[in-house]
Protein backbone atom coordinates (compact mmCIF):
# COMPACT_ATOMS: atom_id res chain seq x y z
CA LEU A 1 123.90 -145.95 -76.62
CA LEU A 2 124.44 -143.88 -73.58
CA GLN A 3 122.99 -140.88 -75.31
CA LYS A 4 119.99 -142.89 -76.35
CA HIS A 5 119.27 -143.92 -72.77
CA TYR A 6 119.87 -140.42 -71.51
CA ARG A 7 117.51 -138.94 -74.11
CA ARG A 8 114.89 -141.52 -73.21
CA TYR A 9 115.38 -140.70 -69.51
CA ALA A 10 115.22 -136.94 -70.14
CA THR A 11 112.15 -137.31 -72.36
CA ARG A 12 110.40 -139.46 -69.75
CA LYS A 13 111.31 -136.89 -67.11
CA ILE A 14 109.80 -134.07 -69.22
CA VAL A 15 106.67 -136.13 -70.01
CA VAL A 16 106.25 -137.03 -66.33
CA ALA A 17 106.69 -133.37 -65.36
CA LYS A 18 104.12 -132.30 -67.97
CA ASN A 19 101.76 -135.06 -66.88
CA SER A 20 102.15 -134.14 -63.23
CA SER A 21 101.56 -130.47 -64.12
CA ALA A 22 98.46 -131.46 -66.09
CA LEU A 23 97.31 -133.59 -63.15
CA VAL A 24 97.76 -130.66 -60.77
CA VAL A 25 95.75 -128.39 -63.08
CA GLN A 26 93.04 -131.03 -63.52
CA LYS A 27 92.92 -131.71 -59.77
CA THR A 28 92.68 -128.00 -59.01
CA TYR A 29 89.93 -127.48 -61.58
CA ARG A 30 87.94 -130.48 -60.39
CA GLY A 31 88.18 -129.25 -56.79
CA TYR A 32 87.02 -125.80 -57.91
CA ALA A 33 84.11 -127.29 -59.89
CA VAL A 34 83.02 -129.48 -56.97
CA ARG A 35 83.25 -126.59 -54.52
CA LYS A 36 81.27 -124.40 -56.90
CA ASP A 37 78.63 -127.13 -57.30
CA ILE A 38 78.44 -127.61 -53.54
CA GLY A 39 78.14 -123.84 -53.07
CA ILE A 40 75.27 -123.70 -55.57
CA LYS A 41 73.53 -126.64 -53.87
CA GLU A 42 74.01 -125.05 -50.44
CA ASN A 43 72.67 -121.76 -51.77
CA ASN A 44 69.65 -123.56 -53.26
CA THR A 45 69.15 -125.39 -49.98
CA LEU A 46 69.29 -122.12 -48.04
CA ILE A 47 66.80 -120.53 -50.43
CA LEU A 48 64.40 -123.47 -50.02
CA GLN A 49 64.77 -123.34 -46.23
CA LYS A 50 64.11 -119.60 -46.25
CA ILE A 51 60.99 -120.03 -48.39
CA TYR A 52 59.66 -122.85 -46.19
CA ARG A 53 60.33 -120.95 -42.96
CA GLY A 54 58.48 -117.94 -44.37
CA TYR A 55 55.55 -120.16 -45.33
CA VAL A 56 55.41 -121.71 -41.84
CA ALA A 57 55.63 -118.29 -40.18
CA ARG A 58 52.83 -116.87 -42.37
CA ARG A 59 50.69 -119.94 -41.66
CA ASN A 60 51.23 -119.55 -37.89
CA VAL A 61 50.41 -115.84 -38.02
CA SER A 62 47.26 -116.61 -40.00
CA ARG A 63 46.21 -119.21 -37.42
CA MET A 64 46.87 -116.81 -34.55
CA ASN A 65 44.90 -114.05 -36.30
CA SER A 66 41.93 -116.33 -36.90
CA SER A 67 42.05 -117.49 -33.27
CA ALA A 68 42.21 -113.90 -32.07
CA LEU A 69 39.29 -112.95 -34.30
CA LEU A 70 37.26 -115.87 -32.96
CA LEU A 71 37.97 -114.84 -29.37
CA GLN A 72 37.08 -111.22 -30.13
CA LYS A 73 33.85 -112.27 -31.83
CA GLN A 74 32.82 -114.46 -28.91
CA TYR A 75 33.64 -111.75 -26.36
CA ARG A 76 31.70 -109.12 -28.30
CA GLY A 77 28.71 -111.44 -28.50
CA TYR A 78 28.93 -112.14 -24.76
CA THR A 79 29.05 -108.43 -23.87
CA ALA A 80 26.21 -107.63 -26.29
CA ARG A 81 24.02 -110.36 -24.78
CA LYS A 82 24.93 -109.18 -21.30
CA ASN A 83 23.94 -105.58 -22.17
CA VAL A 84 20.68 -106.70 -23.79
CA ASN A 85 19.81 -108.84 -20.77
CA ALA A 86 20.56 -105.93 -18.45
CA ALA A 87 18.34 -103.62 -20.50
CA ASN A 88 15.61 -106.25 -20.74
CA SER A 89 15.62 -107.02 -17.04
CA GLY A 90 13.93 -103.69 -16.24
CA ALA A 91 11.35 -104.19 -18.98
CA LEU A 92 10.78 -107.77 -17.85
CA LEU A 93 10.20 -106.59 -14.30
CA LEU A 94 7.61 -104.06 -15.46
CA GLN A 95 5.89 -106.69 -17.62
CA LYS A 96 5.84 -109.15 -14.73
CA HIS A 97 4.24 -106.62 -12.38
CA TYR A 98 1.68 -105.56 -15.00
CA ARG A 99 0.70 -109.15 -15.78
CA GLY A 100 0.29 -109.87 -12.07
CA HIS A 101 -1.90 -106.79 -11.68
CA ALA A 102 -3.98 -107.67 -14.77
CA THR A 103 -4.43 -111.27 -13.58
CA ARG A 104 -5.54 -110.15 -10.11
CA LYS A 105 -7.94 -107.66 -11.65
CA SER A 106 -9.38 -110.36 -13.92
CA VAL A 107 -9.76 -112.80 -11.01
CA VAL A 108 -11.54 -110.14 -8.94
CA ALA A 109 -13.89 -109.39 -11.87
CA LYS A 110 -14.67 -113.08 -12.35
CA ASN A 111 -15.23 -113.54 -8.61
CA SER A 112 -17.57 -110.58 -8.46
CA SER A 113 -19.51 -111.94 -11.47
CA ALA A 114 -19.77 -115.31 -9.78
CA LEU A 115 -20.98 -113.60 -6.60
CA VAL A 116 -23.67 -111.76 -8.55
CA VAL A 117 -24.84 -115.01 -10.16
CA GLN A 118 -24.81 -116.80 -6.79
CA LYS A 119 -26.67 -113.96 -5.11
CA THR A 120 -29.30 -113.92 -7.82
CA TYR A 121 -29.77 -117.69 -7.72
CA ARG A 122 -30.04 -117.76 -3.91
CA GLY A 123 -32.60 -114.97 -4.04
CA TYR A 124 -34.53 -116.90 -6.66
CA VAL A 125 -34.45 -120.10 -4.54
CA VAL A 126 -35.57 -118.22 -1.41
CA ARG A 127 -38.40 -116.44 -3.22
CA LYS A 128 -39.47 -119.73 -4.74
CA ASP A 129 -39.53 -121.42 -1.30
CA ILE A 130 -41.48 -118.53 0.20
CA GLY A 131 -43.81 -118.47 -2.74
CA ILE A 132 -43.40 -114.96 -3.86
């Protein structure tokens, strides 16, 4: 009877030791698997963050480039218009003076024609009154 209880006790002790060893192995493996899974998820998260940050940076650079191009285009247009206006101002001045001269010449010609007509008519009226 004593042997029977001792064997049962010894067997339970061995089974408990094996079970506890198995539990330690299982616990260690599960911890490893979870850490590995977390590491993979963190790595995937880092990769996604890296891709998104690159996308945002490229988008910002593209916006800055388009803004810079717009500013350059507007400045070039402004300087071109300024240069054309400067070149045209001399030509405009010449045209203005010529038109003034031509208008004065035309007015003088019209006035002299009117004077000739007036002179002729007055002479006609005077000769008519005199009876010539």
